[in-house]
Protein backbone atom coordinates (compact mmCIF):
# COMPACT_ATOMS: atom_id res chain seq x y z
CA MET A 1 -169.71 -209.29 -121.22
CA ARG A 2 -171.36 -211.30 -118.05
CA LYS A 3 -172.06 -208.42 -116.58
CA ALA A 4 -173.91 -207.06 -119.93
CA LEU A 5 -175.68 -209.99 -119.95
CA ALA A 6 -177.10 -209.64 -116.66
CA VAL A 7 -178.39 -206.24 -117.12
CA ALA A 8 -179.53 -207.07 -120.29
CA ILE A 9 -181.55 -210.15 -118.44
CA LEU A 10 -182.70 -207.84 -115.60
CA PHE A 11 -184.11 -205.51 -118.36
CA LEU A 12 -186.02 -207.81 -120.22
CA LEU A 13 -187.59 -209.08 -117.00
CA LEU A 14 -188.64 -205.49 -116.48
CA LEU A 15 -189.89 -205.19 -120.11
CA PRO A 16 -193.34 -205.91 -119.78
CA VAL A 17 -193.50 -203.28 -117.17
CA VAL A 18 -191.87 -200.74 -119.30
CA SER A 19 -194.10 -202.15 -122.51
CA ALA A 20 -196.80 -201.13 -119.91
CA ALA A 21 -195.46 -197.58 -120.06
CA GLN A 22 -194.61 -197.94 -116.52
CA LEU A 23 -191.17 -196.08 -114.74
CA ALA A 24 -188.66 -198.70 -114.40
CA TYR A 25 -185.21 -198.86 -112.33
CA TYR A 26 -181.98 -200.56 -112.86
CA PRO A 27 -180.39 -201.74 -111.54
CA ASN A 28 -183.58 -200.90 -108.57
CA GLN A 29 -184.91 -197.92 -107.17
CA GLU A 30 -182.43 -198.11 -104.21
CA ALA A 31 -179.79 -197.43 -105.97
CA PHE A 32 -181.19 -194.20 -107.44
CA GLN A 33 -182.05 -193.52 -103.72
CA ASN A 34 -178.75 -193.75 -102.81
CA PHE A 35 -177.63 -191.70 -105.06
CA LEU A 36 -180.52 -188.94 -104.11
CA LYS A 37 -178.85 -189.01 -100.48
CA SER A 38 -175.12 -188.81 -101.49
CA ASN A 39 -173.24 -186.12 -101.24
CA SER A 40 -171.63 -185.88 -105.18
CA SER A 41 -172.88 -183.02 -106.95
CA TYR A 42 -174.54 -183.35 -110.65
CA THR A 43 -174.38 -181.79 -113.80
CA VAL A 44 -177.71 -182.52 -115.86
CA ILE A 45 -177.12 -182.58 -119.90
CA ALA A 46 -180.38 -182.80 -121.60
CA GLY A 47 -181.28 -183.67 -125.29
CA ASN A 48 -181.12 -180.88 -128.42
CA THR A 49 -185.32 -181.45 -128.51
CA SER A 50 -187.62 -179.21 -126.86
CA TRP A 51 -189.40 -181.57 -124.87
CA ALA A 52 -185.76 -183.02 -123.76
CA LYS A 53 -184.57 -179.52 -122.87
CA GLY A 54 -188.21 -178.91 -121.10
CA TRP A 55 -187.79 -182.21 -118.78
CA GLY A 56 -184.01 -181.78 -118.18
CA HIS A 57 -185.08 -178.26 -116.49
CA TYR A 58 -187.19 -179.63 -114.34
CA VAL A 59 -184.53 -182.41 -113.53
CA ASP A 60 -181.93 -179.67 -113.17
CA GLU A 61 -184.11 -177.64 -110.81
CA LYS A 62 -185.31 -180.73 -108.46
CA LEU A 63 -182.05 -182.19 -107.74
CA SER A 64 -180.90 -178.78 -106.71
CA THR A 65 -182.72 -178.17 -104.04
CA ILE A 66 -180.90 -181.48 -102.73
CA LYS A 67 -177.41 -181.66 -104.22
CA GLU A 68 -174.94 -179.41 -105.50
CA ARG A 69 -173.98 -178.78 -108.80
CA GLY A 70 -170.77 -180.11 -109.99
CA ASN A 71 -168.80 -182.67 -111.98
CA ASP A 72 -168.89 -185.79 -109.85
CA THR A 73 -172.22 -187.36 -111.63
CA LEU A 74 -173.88 -186.92 -114.90
CA VAL A 75 -177.37 -186.99 -115.45
CA LEU A 76 -178.50 -187.58 -118.98
CA VAL A 77 -182.28 -186.50 -119.65
CA GLY A 78 -183.55 -187.97 -123.30
CA ASN A 79 -182.91 -191.08 -125.62
CA VAL A 80 -180.07 -191.82 -127.62
CA GLU A 81 -181.45 -190.13 -130.65
CA ASN A 82 -181.61 -186.58 -128.89
CA ASN A 83 -178.53 -186.47 -126.68
CA LYS A 84 -175.45 -187.39 -127.78
CA VAL A 85 -173.50 -187.78 -124.79
CA MET A 86 -176.11 -190.44 -123.76
CA ARG A 87 -175.75 -192.16 -127.26
CA GLU A 88 -171.83 -192.26 -126.51
CA LEU A 89 -172.18 -194.00 -122.85
CA TRP A 90 -175.31 -195.77 -123.50
CA TRP A 91 -172.58 -198.92 -124.21
CA ARG A 92 -172.14 -199.19 -120.36
CA THR A 93 -175.32 -200.04 -119.71
CA GLY A 94 -175.19 -203.36 -121.99
CA LEU A 95 -178.67 -202.97 -123.05
CA SER A 96 -179.87 -202.41 -126.45
CA GLU A 97 -180.50 -198.58 -127.67
CA ARG A 98 -184.29 -199.44 -128.10
CA TYR A 99 -184.74 -199.22 -124.08
CA SER A 100 -183.74 -195.68 -124.02
CA PHE A 101 -186.92 -194.51 -125.74
CA GLN A 102 -188.45 -196.06 -122.43
CA PRO A 103 -189.43 -194.64 -119.32
CA SER A 104 -186.28 -195.52 -116.95
CA ILE A 105 -183.59 -194.61 -114.84
CA ILE A 106 -180.44 -195.95 -114.81
CA VAL A 107 -178.24 -195.85 -111.96
CA LEU A 108 -174.24 -196.55 -113.00
CA SER A 109 -170.87 -195.21 -111.63
CA ASN A 110 -171.09 -191.55 -111.98
CA VAL A 111 -173.70 -191.56 -114.11
CA VAL A 112 -177.48 -191.67 -113.95
CA PHE A 113 -179.70 -191.79 -116.92
CA ILE A 114 -183.17 -190.29 -117.82
CA THR A 115 -184.77 -192.05 -120.13
CA GLY A 116 -187.69 -191.88 -122.35
CA ASN A 117 -189.38 -190.06 -125.64
CA GLU A 118 -192.19 -187.12 -125.70
CA SER A 119 -195.02 -189.72 -125.04
CA ASN A 120 -193.53 -191.33 -121.67
CA ILE A 121 -190.23 -189.31 -120.07
CA TYR A 122 -193.00 -187.48 -118.10
CA LEU A 123 -193.50 -190.76 -115.70
CA THR A 124 -190.10 -190.40 -114.25
CA GLU A 125 -191.68 -187.53 -112.44
CA ARG A 126 -193.06 -190.14 -110.15
CA ALA A 127 -189.09 -190.83 -108.81
CA PHE A 128 -188.56 -187.38 -107.75
CA SER A 129 -192.27 -186.92 -106.29
CA HIS A 130 -191.20 -187.49 -102.94
CA LEU A 131 -188.53 -185.03 -102.34
CA TRP A 132 -189.89 -182.27 -100.16
CA ASN A 133 -187.14 -179.69 -99.52
CA PRO A 134 -188.71 -176.31 -100.88
CA PRO A 135 -186.39 -173.37 -101.01
CA LYS A 136 -185.95 -171.20 -98.60
CA GLY A 137 -187.14 -168.18 -101.17
CA SER A 138 -190.17 -170.32 -101.88
CA GLU A 139 -191.17 -170.51 -98.79
CA LEU A 140 -190.74 -166.86 -97.80
CA THR A 141 -192.69 -165.82 -101.35
CA TYR A 142 -195.69 -168.14 -100.20
CA LEU A 143 -195.97 -166.30 -96.88
CA LEU A 144 -195.86 -162.79 -98.25
CA ILE A 145 -198.31 -163.81 -100.88
CA PHE A 146 -200.95 -165.73 -98.50
CA LEU A 147 -200.60 -162.64 -96.51
CA VAL A 148 -200.93 -160.11 -99.09
CA VAL A 149 -203.73 -161.85 -100.59
CA ALA A 150 -205.58 -162.41 -96.78
CA ILE A 151 -205.40 -158.77 -96.32
CA LEU A 152 -206.49 -157.62 -100.13
CA LEU A 153 -209.15 -159.79 -100.06
CA GLY A 154 -210.15 -159.36 -95.79
CA ILE A 155 -209.85 -155.39 -96.24
CA PRO A 156 -213.44 -155.10 -97.81
CA LEU A 157 -214.95 -157.26 -95.16
CA ARG A 158 -214.05 -155.07 -92.17
CA GLY A 159 -216.69 -152.50 -90.90
CA LYS A 160 -219.37 -154.65 -92.21
CA GLY A 161 -221.25 -155.60 -89.08
CA TYR A 162 -222.05 -159.19 -88.06
CA HIS A 163 -218.04 -159.69 -87.28
CA ALA A 164 -217.63 -160.76 -91.52
CA GLY A 165 -213.90 -159.58 -90.49
CA SER A 166 -213.50 -162.39 -87.35
CA PHE A 167 -215.27 -164.71 -89.11
CA TYR A 168 -212.80 -163.99 -92.23
CA LEU A 169 -209.83 -164.43 -90.54
CA LEU A 170 -211.15 -167.52 -88.84
CA THR A 171 -211.42 -169.11 -92.32
CA ILE A 172 -207.83 -168.30 -93.85
CA SER A 173 -206.98 -169.87 -90.39
CA LEU A 174 -208.16 -172.86 -91.18
CA ILE A 175 -206.53 -172.67 -94.35
CA PHE A 176 -203.12 -171.84 -93.31
CA ILE A 177 -203.10 -174.66 -90.69
CA TRP A 178 -204.18 -176.94 -93.61
CA SER A 179 -201.42 -176.44 -95.38
CA LEU A 180 -199.05 -176.72 -92.54
CA ASN A 181 -200.41 -180.55 -91.68
CA ALA A 182 -201.25 -181.77 -95.07
CA PRO A 183 -198.83 -184.19 -96.92
CA PRO A 184 -197.14 -182.80 -99.61
CA LEU A 185 -199.48 -182.58 -102.77
CA GLN A 186 -199.39 -185.00 -105.57
CA MET A 187 -199.68 -184.35 -109.49
CA THR A 188 -202.66 -186.07 -111.25
CA ASN A 189 -201.71 -187.97 -113.90
CA SER A 190 -203.78 -186.34 -116.29
CA PHE A 191 -201.85 -182.72 -115.31
CA LEU A 192 -198.58 -184.62 -114.98
CA LYS A 193 -199.12 -184.45 -118.52
CA THR A 194 -199.92 -181.36 -118.50
CA PHE A 195 -196.66 -180.29 -116.45
CA PHE A 196 -194.88 -182.10 -119.42
CA ASP A 197 -196.40 -179.46 -122.22
CA GLY A 198 -195.20 -176.81 -119.79
CA LEU A 199 -192.31 -177.68 -119.45
CA THR A 200 -192.06 -178.34 -123.32
CA ALA A 201 -193.47 -174.93 -124.21
CA TRP A 202 -190.95 -173.19 -121.60
CA ALA A 203 -188.02 -175.18 -123.69
CA GLY A 204 -189.87 -173.48 -126.74
CA GLY A 205 -191.82 -175.75 -128.28
CA GLY A 206 -195.47 -174.07 -128.46
CA ALA A 207 -198.31 -175.00 -125.59
CA SER A 208 -200.37 -177.83 -126.57
CA THR A 209 -203.49 -176.89 -124.47
CA PRO A 210 -204.40 -173.08 -122.16
CA LEU A 211 -203.18 -174.93 -119.36
CA ALA A 212 -199.59 -175.62 -120.65
CA ALA A 213 -199.55 -171.87 -121.82
CA MET A 214 -200.69 -170.86 -117.95
CA LEU A 215 -197.50 -173.50 -116.83
CA TRP A 216 -195.43 -171.66 -119.29
CA ALA A 217 -195.74 -168.08 -117.60
CA PHE A 218 -195.52 -169.76 -114.33
CA PHE A 219 -191.85 -171.49 -115.17
CA ASN A 220 -190.70 -168.29 -116.34
CA LEU A 221 -191.47 -166.78 -112.77
CA ALA A 222 -190.46 -169.60 -110.25
CA SER A 223 -188.35 -173.02 -110.81
CA PRO A 224 -190.52 -175.96 -112.68
CA ILE A 225 -190.77 -178.09 -109.07
CA GLU A 226 -193.31 -179.84 -107.01
CA GLU A 227 -192.66 -177.30 -103.97
CA ASN A 228 -193.62 -174.26 -105.75
CA LEU A 229 -196.80 -176.05 -107.60
CA ILE A 230 -198.04 -176.97 -104.25
CA PHE A 231 -197.73 -173.45 -102.87
CA ALA A 232 -198.78 -171.90 -105.81
CA HIS A 233 -201.95 -174.47 -105.29
CA TRP A 234 -202.37 -173.29 -101.46
CA ILE A 235 -202.96 -169.74 -102.38
CA LEU A 236 -205.61 -170.83 -105.32
CA ILE A 237 -207.46 -172.87 -102.21
CA LEU A 238 -207.08 -169.61 -100.11
CA ILE A 239 -208.68 -167.58 -102.78
CA LEU A 240 -210.96 -170.13 -103.40
CA ALA A 241 -212.42 -169.88 -99.51
CA SER A 242 -211.89 -166.08 -99.39
CA LEU A 243 -214.60 -166.02 -102.66
CA SER A 244 -217.32 -167.37 -100.13
CA PHE A 245 -217.75 -163.92 -98.19
CA TYR A 246 -218.44 -162.47 -101.67
CA ILE A 247 -220.68 -165.12 -102.87
CA ALA A 248 -222.91 -164.35 -99.72
CA PRO A 249 -225.44 -161.91 -99.78
CA LYS A 250 -224.00 -157.98 -99.77
CA GLY A 251 -225.77 -157.22 -96.79
CA CYS A 252 -224.59 -160.43 -95.12
CA ARG A 253 -220.74 -161.18 -95.87
CA GLU A 254 -220.54 -162.97 -92.04
CA LEU A 255 -222.58 -166.02 -94.27
CA GLY A 256 -219.79 -166.49 -96.23
CA PHE A 257 -218.30 -168.46 -93.18
CA LEU A 258 -221.28 -170.93 -93.63
CA ILE A 259 -220.87 -171.21 -97.10
CA PHE A 260 -216.97 -171.68 -96.62
CA GLY A 261 -217.98 -174.50 -93.55
CA LEU A 262 -220.88 -176.29 -95.71
CA THR A 263 -218.75 -176.83 -98.57
CA PHE A 264 -215.31 -177.05 -97.17
CA VAL A 265 -216.78 -179.97 -94.94
CA SER A 266 -217.43 -182.19 -97.49
CA PRO A 267 -214.69 -184.92 -97.94
CA ALA A 268 -214.91 -185.76 -101.66
CA PHE A 269 -214.86 -181.55 -102.43
CA ARG A 270 -211.91 -181.32 -100.20
CA THR A 271 -210.31 -184.27 -102.39
CA SER A 272 -210.99 -182.62 -105.42
CA ILE A 273 -208.96 -179.59 -104.42
CA ALA A 274 -206.28 -181.60 -102.52
CA GLN A 275 -204.49 -182.80 -105.64
CA ILE A 276 -202.39 -180.44 -107.87
CA SER A 277 -204.74 -180.50 -111.07
CA GLY A 278 -206.17 -178.21 -114.04
CA ASN A 279 -209.61 -178.47 -111.75
CA THR A 280 -209.00 -176.10 -108.99
CA ILE A 281 -208.44 -173.69 -111.86
CA GLY A 282 -211.59 -174.24 -113.42
CA ILE A 283 -213.09 -174.07 -109.32
CA LEU A 284 -211.82 -171.20 -108.39
CA SER A 285 -212.93 -169.17 -111.92
CA PHE A 286 -216.89 -171.01 -111.26
CA ALA A 287 -216.60 -169.44 -107.57
CA ILE A 288 -215.22 -166.03 -109.42
CA VAL A 289 -218.14 -166.11 -111.63
CA LEU A 290 -220.57 -166.75 -108.42
CA ALA A 291 -218.98 -163.78 -106.67
CA LEU A 292 -219.34 -161.39 -109.48
CA VAL A 293 -222.93 -162.15 -110.62
CA SER A 294 -223.56 -161.51 -106.79
CA ASN A 295 -221.81 -157.92 -106.38
CA LEU A 296 -224.00 -156.78 -109.55
CA HIS A 297 -225.69 -153.67 -109.82
CA VAL A 298 -227.69 -151.84 -112.10
CA SER A 299 -225.63 -149.47 -113.91
CA LEU A 300 -226.78 -146.99 -116.77
CA ASP A 301 -223.65 -146.52 -117.34
CA PRO A 302 -222.62 -148.38 -121.26
CA ARG A 303 -218.56 -148.40 -120.56
CA GLU A 304 -219.65 -150.16 -116.92
CA THR A 305 -221.74 -152.38 -118.71
CA LEU A 306 -219.30 -153.62 -120.87
CA LEU A 307 -216.75 -154.01 -118.15
CA GLN A 308 -219.27 -156.23 -115.99
CA VAL A 309 -220.14 -158.39 -119.47
CA SER A 310 -216.19 -158.38 -120.15
CA LEU A 311 -215.31 -159.96 -116.44
CA LEU A 312 -218.31 -162.51 -116.29
CA SER A 313 -217.12 -163.72 -120.06
CA ALA A 314 -213.73 -163.93 -119.02
CA PHE A 315 -213.85 -165.89 -115.98
CA THR A 316 -216.69 -167.99 -117.47
CA LEU A 317 -214.59 -168.82 -120.35
CA LEU A 318 -211.69 -170.05 -118.06
CA ALA A 319 -213.74 -172.07 -116.20
CA THR A 320 -214.77 -173.49 -119.69
CA ILE A 321 -211.36 -174.66 -120.30
CA ILE A 322 -211.57 -177.01 -117.49
CA ASN A 323 -215.16 -177.92 -117.30
CA PRO A 324 -217.26 -177.14 -120.35
CA TYR A 325 -220.70 -177.54 -118.61
CA VAL A 326 -219.71 -173.97 -116.38
CA LEU A 327 -221.30 -173.05 -119.99
CA ILE A 328 -224.37 -173.23 -117.96
CA ILE A 329 -224.22 -170.48 -116.10
CA PRO A 330 -224.57 -167.85 -118.74
CA LEU A 331 -228.06 -169.58 -119.65
CA ALA A 332 -229.27 -169.22 -115.78
CA PHE A 333 -228.45 -166.16 -115.93
CA VAL A 334 -230.01 -164.86 -118.57
CA LEU A 335 -233.35 -166.80 -116.74
CA ALA A 336 -232.83 -165.70 -114.07
CA PHE A 337 -232.09 -161.52 -114.52
CA PRO A 338 -233.93 -160.69 -117.21
CA GLY A 339 -234.00 -157.14 -116.66
CA ARG A 340 -231.09 -156.19 -118.63
CA PRO A 341 -231.55 -158.07 -122.08
CA SER A 342 -228.64 -155.96 -123.50
CA ARG A 343 -225.84 -157.02 -120.76
CA ASN A 344 -227.43 -160.33 -120.58
CA ILE A 345 -227.50 -161.63 -124.56
CA GLY A 346 -224.14 -159.73 -124.75
CA TYR A 347 -222.78 -162.60 -121.74
CA LEU A 348 -224.37 -165.17 -123.43
CA LEU A 349 -223.31 -164.37 -126.89
CA ILE A 350 -219.55 -163.70 -126.28
CA SER A 351 -219.90 -166.84 -123.66
CA LEU A 352 -220.62 -168.90 -126.48
CA ALA A 353 -218.59 -167.68 -128.94
CA GLY A 354 -215.17 -167.80 -126.64
CA ALA A 355 -216.33 -171.70 -125.92
CA LEU A 356 -216.81 -172.23 -129.89
CA LEU A 357 -213.43 -170.78 -130.73
CA LEU A 358 -211.41 -172.86 -127.45
CA TYR A 359 -212.96 -175.86 -128.80
CA ALA A 360 -212.18 -175.05 -132.72
CA VAL A 361 -208.66 -174.18 -131.66
CA SER A 362 -208.29 -177.41 -129.01
CA PRO A 363 -211.16 -180.00 -130.57
CA PRO A 364 -210.34 -182.21 -127.10
CA TYR A 365 -212.36 -179.69 -125.41
CA LEU A 366 -215.35 -180.43 -127.82
CA ASP A 367 -214.85 -184.38 -127.26
CA SER A 368 -214.75 -183.89 -123.53
CA PHE A 369 -218.00 -181.67 -123.72
CA PHE A 370 -220.04 -184.79 -125.58
CA HIS A 371 -218.04 -187.65 -123.55
CA PHE A 372 -219.71 -189.08 -120.66
CA SER A 373 -218.76 -191.71 -118.16
CA HIS A 374 -221.00 -194.43 -117.86
CA PRO A 375 -223.61 -193.45 -115.38
CA THR A 376 -223.11 -193.84 -111.96
CA PRO A 377 -226.21 -193.09 -109.47
CA GLY A 378 -224.07 -193.69 -106.30
CA ARG A 379 -222.57 -190.02 -106.92
CA TRP A 380 -226.21 -188.76 -106.04
CA VAL A 381 -225.94 -190.59 -102.86
CA VAL A 382 -222.72 -189.09 -102.05
CA PHE A 383 -224.38 -185.50 -102.67
CA LEU A 384 -226.98 -186.10 -100.74
CA PHE A 385 -224.82 -187.26 -97.82
CA GLN A 386 -222.48 -184.79 -97.79
CA GLY A 387 -224.70 -181.88 -98.53
CA LEU A 388 -227.27 -182.49 -96.19
CA PRO A 389 -226.52 -179.89 -93.71
CA ALA A 390 -227.63 -177.88 -96.49
CA ILE A 391 -230.14 -179.62 -97.69
CA LEU A 392 -232.23 -179.53 -94.68
CA VAL A 393 -232.17 -175.74 -94.44
CA LEU A 394 -233.46 -175.81 -97.66
CA LEU A 395 -236.11 -178.13 -96.58
CA TYR A 396 -236.66 -175.87 -93.46
CA GLY A 397 -237.30 -172.95 -96.10
CA LEU A 398 -239.57 -174.34 -97.48
CA ARG A 399 -242.10 -173.95 -95.01
CA ASP A 400 -243.56 -170.56 -97.21
CA GLY A 401 -241.41 -171.68 -100.11
CA SER A 402 -241.49 -167.62 -101.46
CA LYS A 403 -237.70 -167.30 -101.21
CA LEU A 404 -237.40 -170.45 -103.71
CA LYS A 405 -240.57 -169.50 -105.52
CA ARG A 406 -239.10 -166.52 -107.20
CA LYS A 407 -238.55 -166.18 -110.74
CA ARG A 408 -235.88 -163.94 -110.66
CA GLY A 409 -232.92 -163.04 -108.42
CA HIS A 410 -229.96 -164.34 -107.34
CA THR A 411 -231.71 -167.35 -105.80
CA PRO A 412 -233.57 -168.25 -108.50
CA PHE A 413 -230.04 -168.20 -109.96
CA LEU A 414 -228.50 -170.72 -107.38
CA LEU A 415 -231.31 -173.03 -107.82
CA THR A 416 -231.13 -173.58 -110.91
CA LEU A 417 -227.27 -174.25 -111.36
CA THR A 418 -227.86 -176.73 -107.86
CA VAL A 419 -230.59 -178.70 -109.51
CA LEU A 420 -228.97 -178.18 -113.10
CA TYR A 421 -225.58 -179.55 -111.68
CA ALA A 422 -227.00 -182.18 -109.39
CA LEU A 423 -229.59 -183.99 -112.09
CA MET A 424 -226.04 -184.23 -114.32
CA LEU A 425 -223.35 -185.37 -111.66
CA PRO A 426 -224.03 -189.12 -111.98
CA LEU A 427 -222.57 -188.27 -115.71
CA SER A 428 -219.14 -186.56 -114.69
CA PRO A 429 -217.48 -186.89 -110.95
CA PHE A 430 -215.80 -183.58 -111.99
CA LEU A 431 -219.75 -181.54 -111.36
CA PHE A 432 -219.81 -182.08 -107.37
CA PRO A 433 -217.24 -179.69 -106.37
CA TYR A 434 -219.39 -177.30 -108.86
CA ALA A 435 -222.90 -178.58 -107.23
CA MET A 436 -221.46 -178.14 -103.57
CA ILE A 437 -220.92 -174.76 -104.53
CA SER A 438 -224.01 -173.69 -105.65
CA LEU A 439 -226.19 -175.99 -102.89
CA SER A 440 -223.86 -173.95 -100.20
CA ALA A 441 -224.43 -170.58 -101.49
CA LEU A 442 -228.19 -171.23 -102.36
CA THR A 443 -228.38 -172.40 -98.66
CA ALA A 444 -227.13 -168.74 -97.63
CA ARG A 445 -229.21 -167.12 -99.39
CA VAL A 446 -232.25 -168.96 -98.08
CA VAL A 447 -230.52 -168.40 -94.46
CA HIS A 448 -230.50 -165.07 -95.21
CA SER A 449 -233.89 -164.32 -96.21
CA PHE A 450 -234.64 -165.88 -92.59
CA THR A 451 -232.87 -162.61 -91.05
CA GLY A 452 -235.62 -160.25 -93.34
CA THR A 453 -232.46 -158.39 -93.97
């Protein structure tokens, strides 16, 4: 009785923290760490709801990286409402059953309770996020995919002259070294909720957002552990860096190293992609659209025109899922390339119709489109300071101004994107990477004009 009373008093002391929907431990965090470090085996038993099964799958796979599965310790996931075994053993905690609906980790002899409800159990991920023990298969898969992506994107750069291939090799080497030396990336709070939604979808609960659907597909191919997400994230960063060479002018692909350098030298840009979030997918899709625009060619074949419009629209919509302001691209495209009205109008209409459909299916995206943060002019200072090398080159290009005064072509297209994203930057911090990529690509175009090629 005394033990139960002590447990209740300790949990009541933690109640203000739990009420704020933060993770709580009993008897303390050290007890859970001792469980993780022990040689005891474990068996995960999840509740009977899709979200509990999905989260139980995560806990099971995460523990499997450091412990053996077995019968020494029961790990119960869910709450007393959906987990029969947890309800039967809850008396051992000496707590009211309502505490099982709060995000907490309770460690008793041979039993670990991971509790919460559908709106907060994902917060228990923070108890596991510090663990880094990737399976050997995941490491080998990462290295293989990294090598394959590097080769596939590097082959077209061979024989282009001016050492484009050498600069590309240097770029991927820098990304690889960065991935080896950087600390394990963390999920942002917003992505953590999406991660939970993806697990719920994996367990049959249905995807609530397009990003959750992407994670559902990923979890059907790989274990839902942070290590695999981190490896996948570095592959996205590799592709993003590689696209710099395809955003560069066709006749001067080595200028991709300039775009890469001017973009990745920005600490704010690196910070924007140094956390696991949907933002990186949006930024990557934006870069793909810029690369497609940079490599479009006039074609009289309707099938090829349809393919161009389809690719542009698809990746524009993918980026729009993450950042609705990407819809600026079709508008800038129509203004900068007026020569092909059928292609331009098709691209514009498909993009707008697709975005409206996305917003109709998922209203929060419409809300985010019209939601402006409190204006923060300081973001202009950061952009001007970190974009100063590119801006100085552009100012030098204004000696004659002929390149920037053109009314059509790639330079006006990139100039329009840069100006619009920069002007809107105080309203949304998520626009910074888009403005920085546009500025770097514009700088490469101006540098290309200096060479006369």
